[in-house]
Amino acid sequence: MAKGGQFEAVYPIYALNLKENGTINTDAPIQVYWIRYGEKGQKKDLGYIQRKFAYGIDTKALGADKYEFRFVSHKKLPFYLQKYSDKSYHVSVTINNRTIKVNRLFVRIQGGSFWLPNVKYAEVEGTEESTGKPVVERISVK
């Protein structure tokens, strides 16, 4: 987005959604919002179109402390949010028969518009669960 002729740094954030008592919000376990660095890091909710067609997620409870979620813009690949033995929640995904505990997800956008970005690929960085080794997997989103 442009602001005064310059690029405005805006990032979608996907965060664990906890209640005031520290337990997970089972109705919406992941909170999605923008961080607008051009506006002193202010949080802003996604708009309806952004939430339903671009940056939102669909979440389904799978049992105690385990959820499946999919990005509305790429429903083919399920991610899993679950509580691990360290009592913390982590996200995992299986790509190329490897289950990865996700540390970071990077999406490469080239052109398009704010409402309909041209996504070239997504890159998942994390730890392979079976070996404990760092791993990076690139996903084609077309």
N, C-alpha and C. Protein backbone atom coordinates (compact mmCIF):
# COMPACT_ATOMS: atom_id res chain seq x y z
N MET A 1 0.85 -1.17 0.00
CA MET A 1 0.00 0.00 0.00
C MET A 1 0.89 1.23 0.00
N ALA A 2 0.42 2.23 -0.63
CA ALA A 2 1.19 3.46 -0.69
C ALA A 2 0.64 4.46 0.29
N LYS A 3 1.54 5.18 0.88
CA LYS A 3 1.14 6.24 1.81
C LYS A 3 2.12 7.37 1.59
N GLY A 4 1.64 8.45 1.03
CA GLY A 4 2.52 9.58 0.75
C GLY A 4 3.59 9.23 -0.27
N GLY A 5 3.26 8.31 -1.21
CA GLY A 5 4.21 7.93 -2.24
C GLY A 5 5.21 6.88 -1.81
N GLN A 6 5.15 6.43 -0.56
CA GLN A 6 6.08 5.42 -0.08
C GLN A 6 5.33 4.15 0.29
N PHE A 7 6.07 3.04 0.32
CA PHE A 7 5.49 1.76 0.71
C PHE A 7 5.22 1.77 2.20
N GLU A 8 4.03 1.35 2.56
CA GLU A 8 3.67 1.25 3.97
C GLU A 8 3.81 -0.20 4.40
N ALA A 9 4.62 -0.47 5.40
CA ALA A 9 4.84 -1.84 5.86
C ALA A 9 3.63 -2.30 6.68
N VAL A 10 2.94 -3.27 6.12
CA VAL A 10 1.75 -3.84 6.75
C VAL A 10 1.89 -5.35 6.69
N TYR A 11 1.76 -6.01 7.84
CA TYR A 11 1.95 -7.46 7.89
C TYR A 11 0.76 -8.13 8.55
N PRO A 12 0.27 -9.24 7.96
CA PRO A 12 -0.76 -10.00 8.66
C PRO A 12 -0.10 -10.83 9.76
N ILE A 13 -0.72 -10.84 10.92
CA ILE A 13 -0.21 -11.59 12.06
C ILE A 13 -1.23 -12.67 12.42
N TYR A 14 -0.74 -13.88 12.66
CA TYR A 14 -1.56 -15.00 13.09
C TYR A 14 -1.06 -15.39 14.47
N ALA A 15 -1.86 -15.09 15.49
CA ALA A 15 -1.40 -15.26 16.87
C ALA A 15 -2.34 -16.16 17.66
N LEU A 16 -1.77 -16.85 18.62
CA LEU A 16 -2.56 -17.67 19.53
C LEU A 16 -3.54 -16.75 20.25
N ASN A 17 -4.80 -17.13 20.26
CA ASN A 17 -5.85 -16.29 20.84
C ASN A 17 -6.20 -16.83 22.23
N LEU A 18 -5.67 -16.18 23.24
CA LEU A 18 -5.90 -16.61 24.62
C LEU A 18 -6.95 -15.75 25.31
N LYS A 19 -7.69 -16.38 26.20
CA LYS A 19 -8.65 -15.65 27.03
C LYS A 19 -7.87 -14.94 28.14
N GLU A 20 -8.58 -14.11 28.89
CA GLU A 20 -7.92 -13.38 29.99
C GLU A 20 -7.33 -14.32 31.03
N ASN A 21 -7.92 -15.50 31.21
CA ASN A 21 -7.41 -16.44 32.22
C ASN A 21 -6.25 -17.29 31.70
N GLY A 22 -5.80 -17.04 30.47
CA GLY A 22 -4.64 -17.74 29.92
C GLY A 22 -4.96 -19.01 29.16
N THR A 23 -6.22 -19.41 29.10
CA THR A 23 -6.59 -20.59 28.33
C THR A 23 -6.92 -20.19 26.90
N ILE A 24 -6.83 -21.15 26.01
CA ILE A 24 -7.07 -20.86 24.60
C ILE A 24 -8.56 -20.60 24.35
N ASN A 25 -8.83 -19.67 23.46
CA ASN A 25 -10.20 -19.38 23.05
C ASN A 25 -10.60 -20.47 22.07
N THR A 26 -11.41 -21.42 22.51
CA THR A 26 -11.75 -22.58 21.68
C THR A 26 -12.63 -22.21 20.48
N ASP A 27 -13.35 -21.10 20.56
CA ASP A 27 -14.18 -20.66 19.44
C ASP A 27 -13.34 -20.06 18.31
N ALA A 28 -12.25 -19.41 18.67
CA ALA A 28 -11.36 -18.77 17.69
C ALA A 28 -9.93 -18.90 18.22
N PRO A 29 -9.29 -20.06 18.05
CA PRO A 29 -7.97 -20.28 18.66
C PRO A 29 -6.84 -19.45 18.06
N ILE A 30 -7.07 -18.93 16.85
CA ILE A 30 -6.05 -18.11 16.20
C ILE A 30 -6.67 -16.77 15.86
N GLN A 31 -5.99 -15.71 16.28
CA GLN A 31 -6.44 -14.35 16.00
C GLN A 31 -5.63 -13.82 14.82
N VAL A 32 -6.32 -13.24 13.83
CA VAL A 32 -5.65 -12.71 12.65
C VAL A 32 -5.88 -11.20 12.60
N TYR A 33 -4.80 -10.45 12.44
CA TYR A 33 -4.90 -8.99 12.38
C TYR A 33 -3.70 -8.44 11.63
N TRP A 34 -3.76 -7.16 11.32
CA TRP A 34 -2.66 -6.45 10.68
C TRP A 34 -1.81 -5.76 11.73
N ILE A 35 -0.52 -5.69 11.49
CA ILE A 35 0.36 -4.77 12.21
C ILE A 35 0.76 -3.71 11.18
N ARG A 36 0.46 -2.48 11.49
CA ARG A 36 0.72 -1.37 10.56
C ARG A 36 1.93 -0.58 11.08
N TYR A 37 3.09 -0.94 10.57
CA TYR A 37 4.32 -0.32 11.05
C TYR A 37 4.41 1.15 10.69
N GLY A 38 3.74 1.57 9.65
CA GLY A 38 3.71 2.98 9.29
C GLY A 38 2.88 3.81 10.25
N GLU A 39 2.11 3.13 11.09
CA GLU A 39 1.26 3.81 12.08
C GLU A 39 1.68 3.39 13.49
N LYS A 40 2.97 3.35 13.73
CA LYS A 40 3.54 3.04 15.04
C LYS A 40 3.17 1.64 15.53
N GLY A 41 3.09 0.69 14.61
CA GLY A 41 2.84 -0.69 15.00
C GLY A 41 1.45 -0.98 15.49
N GLN A 42 0.48 -0.20 15.08
CA GLN A 42 -0.89 -0.40 15.55
C GLN A 42 -1.50 -1.66 14.96
N LYS A 43 -2.33 -2.33 15.78
CA LYS A 43 -3.08 -3.49 15.33
C LYS A 43 -4.36 -3.01 14.65
N LYS A 44 -4.75 -3.73 13.59
CA LYS A 44 -6.00 -3.43 12.92
C LYS A 44 -6.61 -4.74 12.45
N ASP A 45 -7.91 -4.93 12.69
CA ASP A 45 -8.58 -6.14 12.25
C ASP A 45 -8.63 -6.22 10.74
N LEU A 46 -8.68 -7.44 10.22
CA LEU A 46 -8.86 -7.63 8.78
C LEU A 46 -10.26 -7.17 8.39
N GLY A 47 -10.38 -6.65 7.18
CA GLY A 47 -11.69 -6.31 6.65
C GLY A 47 -12.41 -7.58 6.20
N TYR A 48 -13.69 -7.47 5.90
CA TYR A 48 -14.50 -8.62 5.53
C TYR A 48 -13.92 -9.35 4.31
N ILE A 49 -13.61 -8.64 3.25
CA ILE A 49 -13.08 -9.27 2.04
C ILE A 49 -11.73 -9.91 2.31
N GLN A 50 -10.87 -9.23 3.06
CA GLN A 50 -9.56 -9.78 3.41
C GLN A 50 -9.71 -11.08 4.21
N ARG A 51 -10.64 -11.09 5.15
CA ARG A 51 -10.86 -12.24 6.02
C ARG A 51 -11.46 -13.42 5.26
N LYS A 52 -12.38 -13.15 4.34
CA LYS A 52 -13.11 -14.22 3.64
C LYS A 52 -12.41 -14.75 2.39
N PHE A 53 -11.57 -13.93 1.75
CA PHE A 53 -11.01 -14.33 0.47
C PHE A 53 -9.49 -14.30 0.38
N ALA A 54 -8.80 -13.67 1.30
CA ALA A 54 -7.36 -13.51 1.13
C ALA A 54 -6.54 -14.00 2.32
N TYR A 55 -6.69 -13.38 3.48
CA TYR A 55 -5.78 -13.62 4.59
C TYR A 55 -6.40 -14.37 5.77
N GLY A 56 -7.68 -14.65 5.71
CA GLY A 56 -8.35 -15.31 6.82
C GLY A 56 -8.03 -16.80 6.88
N ILE A 57 -8.52 -17.43 7.94
CA ILE A 57 -8.33 -18.87 8.11
C ILE A 57 -9.65 -19.51 8.52
N ASP A 58 -9.79 -20.77 8.16
CA ASP A 58 -10.89 -21.60 8.63
C ASP A 58 -10.31 -22.57 9.65
N THR A 59 -10.95 -22.67 10.81
CA THR A 59 -10.44 -23.49 11.90
C THR A 59 -11.46 -24.54 12.29
N LYS A 60 -10.95 -25.74 12.61
CA LYS A 60 -11.81 -26.84 13.04
C LYS A 60 -11.16 -27.51 14.25
N ALA A 61 -11.93 -27.69 15.33
CA ALA A 61 -11.43 -28.39 16.51
C ALA A 61 -11.33 -29.88 16.20
N LEU A 62 -10.22 -30.50 16.60
CA LEU A 62 -10.01 -31.93 16.37
C LEU A 62 -10.02 -32.73 17.66
N GLY A 63 -10.06 -32.06 18.78
CA GLY A 63 -10.02 -32.73 20.07
C GLY A 63 -9.42 -31.78 21.09
N ALA A 64 -9.10 -32.33 22.24
CA ALA A 64 -8.55 -31.50 23.31
C ALA A 64 -7.22 -30.88 22.86
N ASP A 65 -7.18 -29.56 22.86
CA ASP A 65 -5.95 -28.82 22.56
C ASP A 65 -5.36 -29.09 21.18
N LYS A 66 -6.22 -29.46 20.19
CA LYS A 66 -5.73 -29.67 18.83
C LYS A 66 -6.74 -29.11 17.84
N TYR A 67 -6.22 -28.33 16.88
CA TYR A 67 -7.05 -27.66 15.88
C TYR A 67 -6.41 -27.79 14.51
N GLU A 68 -7.25 -27.94 13.50
CA GLU A 68 -6.79 -27.87 12.12
C GLU A 68 -7.17 -26.50 11.59
N PHE A 69 -6.27 -25.87 10.84
CA PHE A 69 -6.66 -24.62 10.18
C PHE A 69 -6.09 -24.58 8.78
N ARG A 70 -6.83 -23.88 7.93
CA ARG A 70 -6.44 -23.72 6.53
C ARG A 70 -6.61 -22.26 6.15
N PHE A 71 -5.71 -21.77 5.35
CA PHE A 71 -5.83 -20.41 4.84
C PHE A 71 -6.95 -20.38 3.81
N VAL A 72 -7.82 -19.38 3.87
CA VAL A 72 -8.95 -19.32 2.94
C VAL A 72 -8.47 -19.19 1.49
N SER A 73 -7.30 -18.65 1.30
CA SER A 73 -6.76 -18.47 -0.05
C SER A 73 -6.02 -19.70 -0.58
N HIS A 74 -5.79 -20.70 0.28
CA HIS A 74 -5.08 -21.92 -0.13
C HIS A 74 -5.55 -23.06 0.77
N LYS A 75 -6.73 -23.58 0.50
CA LYS A 75 -7.36 -24.56 1.39
C LYS A 75 -6.79 -25.97 1.26
N LYS A 76 -5.92 -26.20 0.30
CA LYS A 76 -5.40 -27.55 0.07
C LYS A 76 -4.52 -28.05 1.21
N LEU A 77 -3.83 -27.16 1.88
CA LEU A 77 -2.81 -27.57 2.84
C LEU A 77 -3.26 -27.31 4.28
N PRO A 78 -3.51 -28.38 5.05
CA PRO A 78 -3.91 -28.18 6.44
C PRO A 78 -2.69 -27.94 7.35
N PHE A 79 -2.85 -27.01 8.27
CA PHE A 79 -1.89 -26.77 9.34
C PHE A 79 -2.55 -27.22 10.63
N TYR A 80 -1.75 -27.54 11.64
CA TYR A 80 -2.31 -28.01 12.91
C TYR A 80 -1.73 -27.19 14.06
N LEU A 81 -2.62 -26.71 14.90
CA LEU A 81 -2.25 -26.02 16.13
C LEU A 81 -2.53 -26.99 17.25
N GLN A 82 -1.52 -27.28 18.07
CA GLN A 82 -1.75 -28.20 19.18
C GLN A 82 -0.79 -27.93 20.33
N LYS A 83 -1.22 -28.38 21.49
CA LYS A 83 -0.38 -28.25 22.68
C LYS A 83 0.58 -29.43 22.71
N TYR A 84 1.86 -29.14 22.85
CA TYR A 84 2.90 -30.16 22.88
C TYR A 84 3.25 -30.51 24.33
N SER A 85 4.16 -31.44 24.49
CA SER A 85 4.54 -31.91 25.83
C SER A 85 5.18 -30.81 26.67
N ASP A 86 5.72 -29.76 26.03
CA ASP A 86 6.30 -28.64 26.79
C ASP A 86 5.22 -27.67 27.29
N LYS A 87 3.94 -28.03 27.11
CA LYS A 87 2.77 -27.25 27.56
C LYS A 87 2.55 -25.98 26.74
N SER A 88 3.28 -25.84 25.64
CA SER A 88 3.11 -24.69 24.75
C SER A 88 2.41 -25.14 23.47
N TYR A 89 1.72 -24.18 22.85
CA TYR A 89 1.09 -24.47 21.56
C TYR A 89 2.09 -24.22 20.45
N HIS A 90 2.05 -25.10 19.46
CA HIS A 90 2.90 -24.98 18.28
C HIS A 90 2.07 -25.30 17.05
N VAL A 91 2.52 -24.83 15.91
CA VAL A 91 1.88 -25.12 14.63
C VAL A 91 2.76 -26.10 13.87
N SER A 92 2.12 -27.11 13.28
CA SER A 92 2.85 -28.06 12.44
C SER A 92 2.13 -28.22 11.11
N VAL A 93 2.89 -28.69 10.13
CA VAL A 93 2.36 -28.93 8.79
C VAL A 93 3.17 -30.07 8.18
N THR A 94 2.53 -30.87 7.35
CA THR A 94 3.24 -31.95 6.66
C THR A 94 3.39 -31.57 5.19
N ILE A 95 4.65 -31.50 4.75
CA ILE A 95 4.99 -31.17 3.36
C ILE A 95 6.03 -32.19 2.90
N ASN A 96 5.80 -32.78 1.73
CA ASN A 96 6.72 -33.79 1.18
C ASN A 96 7.01 -34.90 2.19
N ASN A 97 5.97 -35.37 2.85
CA ASN A 97 6.05 -36.46 3.84
C ASN A 97 6.93 -36.13 5.05
N ARG A 98 7.15 -34.84 5.31
CA ARG A 98 7.90 -34.43 6.50
C ARG A 98 7.00 -33.54 7.34
N THR A 99 6.87 -33.87 8.61
CA THR A 99 6.10 -33.03 9.52
C THR A 99 7.04 -31.99 10.11
N ILE A 100 6.64 -30.74 9.95
CA ILE A 100 7.48 -29.60 10.35
C ILE A 100 6.79 -28.82 11.45
N LYS A 101 7.51 -28.57 12.54
CA LYS A 101 7.04 -27.63 13.56
C LYS A 101 7.43 -26.25 13.05
N VAL A 102 6.42 -25.43 12.76
CA VAL A 102 6.62 -24.17 12.05
C VAL A 102 7.17 -23.08 12.97
N ASN A 103 8.24 -22.44 12.52
CA ASN A 103 8.77 -21.26 13.20
C ASN A 103 8.35 -19.98 12.48
N ARG A 104 8.27 -20.07 11.14
CA ARG A 104 8.00 -18.88 10.33
C ARG A 104 7.38 -19.31 9.01
N LEU A 105 6.46 -18.51 8.54
CA LEU A 105 5.86 -18.71 7.22
C LEU A 105 6.02 -17.42 6.44
N PHE A 106 6.67 -17.51 5.30
CA PHE A 106 6.92 -16.34 4.46
C PHE A 106 6.15 -16.52 3.16
N VAL A 107 5.43 -15.51 2.74
CA VAL A 107 4.68 -15.55 1.49
C VAL A 107 5.28 -14.52 0.53
N ARG A 108 5.67 -14.99 -0.66
CA ARG A 108 6.25 -14.10 -1.68
C ARG A 108 5.14 -13.62 -2.59
N ILE A 109 4.88 -12.32 -2.55
CA ILE A 109 3.86 -11.70 -3.38
C ILE A 109 4.56 -10.82 -4.41
N GLN A 110 4.16 -10.99 -5.67
CA GLN A 110 4.76 -10.18 -6.73
C GLN A 110 3.63 -9.63 -7.59
N GLY A 111 3.34 -8.37 -7.38
CA GLY A 111 2.29 -7.73 -8.16
C GLY A 111 0.90 -8.04 -7.63
N GLY A 112 -0.07 -7.87 -8.51
CA GLY A 112 -1.45 -8.02 -8.09
C GLY A 112 -1.88 -6.77 -7.36
N SER A 113 -2.88 -6.91 -6.53
CA SER A 113 -3.38 -5.78 -5.76
C SER A 113 -3.48 -6.18 -4.29
N PHE A 114 -3.78 -5.20 -3.46
CA PHE A 114 -3.96 -5.48 -2.04
C PHE A 114 -5.08 -6.49 -1.83
N TRP A 115 -6.14 -6.37 -2.62
CA TRP A 115 -7.30 -7.26 -2.48
C TRP A 115 -7.07 -8.62 -3.13
N LEU A 116 -6.27 -8.66 -4.18
CA LEU A 116 -6.00 -9.91 -4.89
C LEU A 116 -4.51 -9.97 -5.24
N PRO A 117 -3.68 -10.29 -4.26
CA PRO A 117 -2.24 -10.32 -4.51
C PRO A 117 -1.86 -11.51 -5.39
N ASN A 118 -0.79 -11.35 -6.16
CA ASN A 118 -0.26 -12.43 -6.99
C ASN A 118 0.79 -13.16 -6.16
N VAL A 119 0.39 -14.25 -5.53
CA VAL A 119 1.27 -15.01 -4.65
C VAL A 119 2.10 -15.97 -5.49
N LYS A 120 3.41 -15.85 -5.41
CA LYS A 120 4.32 -16.71 -6.17
C LYS A 120 4.57 -18.03 -5.44
N TYR A 121 4.84 -17.94 -4.14
CA TYR A 121 5.08 -19.15 -3.35
C TYR A 121 5.00 -18.81 -1.87
N ALA A 122 4.97 -19.84 -1.06
CA ALA A 122 5.06 -19.69 0.39
C ALA A 122 6.23 -20.55 0.85
N GLU A 123 6.94 -20.08 1.84
CA GLU A 123 8.08 -20.81 2.38
C GLU A 123 7.84 -21.07 3.86
N VAL A 124 7.95 -22.33 4.25
CA VAL A 124 7.78 -22.72 5.65
C VAL A 124 9.15 -23.01 6.22
N GLU A 125 9.49 -22.33 7.31
CA GLU A 125 10.73 -22.58 8.03
C GLU A 125 10.38 -23.18 9.38
N GLY A 126 11.13 -24.20 9.77
CA GLY A 126 10.85 -24.81 11.06
C GLY A 126 11.81 -25.93 11.37
N THR A 127 11.32 -26.87 12.18
CA THR A 127 12.11 -28.00 12.63
C THR A 127 11.40 -29.28 12.22
N GLU A 128 12.11 -30.17 11.57
CA GLU A 128 11.51 -31.46 11.21
C GLU A 128 11.30 -32.25 12.51
N GLU A 129 10.06 -32.65 12.75
CA GLU A 129 9.74 -33.28 14.03
C GLU A 129 10.47 -34.60 14.25
N SER A 130 10.69 -35.38 13.21
CA SER A 130 11.31 -36.70 13.40
C SER A 130 12.81 -36.63 13.66
N THR A 131 13.47 -35.57 13.17
CA THR A 131 14.93 -35.48 13.31
C THR A 131 15.40 -34.33 14.19
N GLY A 132 14.55 -33.32 14.38
CA GLY A 132 14.96 -32.14 15.14
C GLY A 132 15.82 -31.18 14.33
N LYS A 133 16.00 -31.46 13.04
CA LYS A 133 16.86 -30.62 12.20
C LYS A 133 16.07 -29.47 11.59
N PRO A 134 16.75 -28.33 11.37
CA PRO A 134 16.09 -27.21 10.70
C PRO A 134 15.72 -27.59 9.27
N VAL A 135 14.60 -27.06 8.81
CA VAL A 135 14.13 -27.38 7.47
C VAL A 135 13.42 -26.17 6.87
N VAL A 136 13.55 -26.01 5.56
CA VAL A 136 12.82 -24.99 4.82
C VAL A 136 12.15 -25.69 3.64
N GLU A 137 10.85 -25.50 3.51
CA GLU A 137 10.10 -26.08 2.39
C GLU A 137 9.39 -24.97 1.66
N ARG A 138 9.46 -24.99 0.34
CA ARG A 138 8.77 -24.01 -0.49
C ARG A 138 7.53 -24.67 -1.08
N ILE A 139 6.42 -23.95 -1.01
CA ILE A 139 5.14 -24.46 -1.48
C ILE A 139 4.68 -23.60 -2.65
N SER A 140 4.33 -24.24 -3.74
CA SER A 140 3.70 -23.53 -4.85
C SER A 140 2.24 -23.35 -4.49
N VAL A 141 1.72 -22.16 -4.65
CA VAL A 141 0.33 -21.90 -4.23
C VAL A 141 -0.62 -21.79 -5.41
N LYS A 142 -0.18 -22.07 -6.58
CA LYS A 142 -1.06 -21.99 -7.76
C LYS A 142 -1.81 -23.26 -7.96
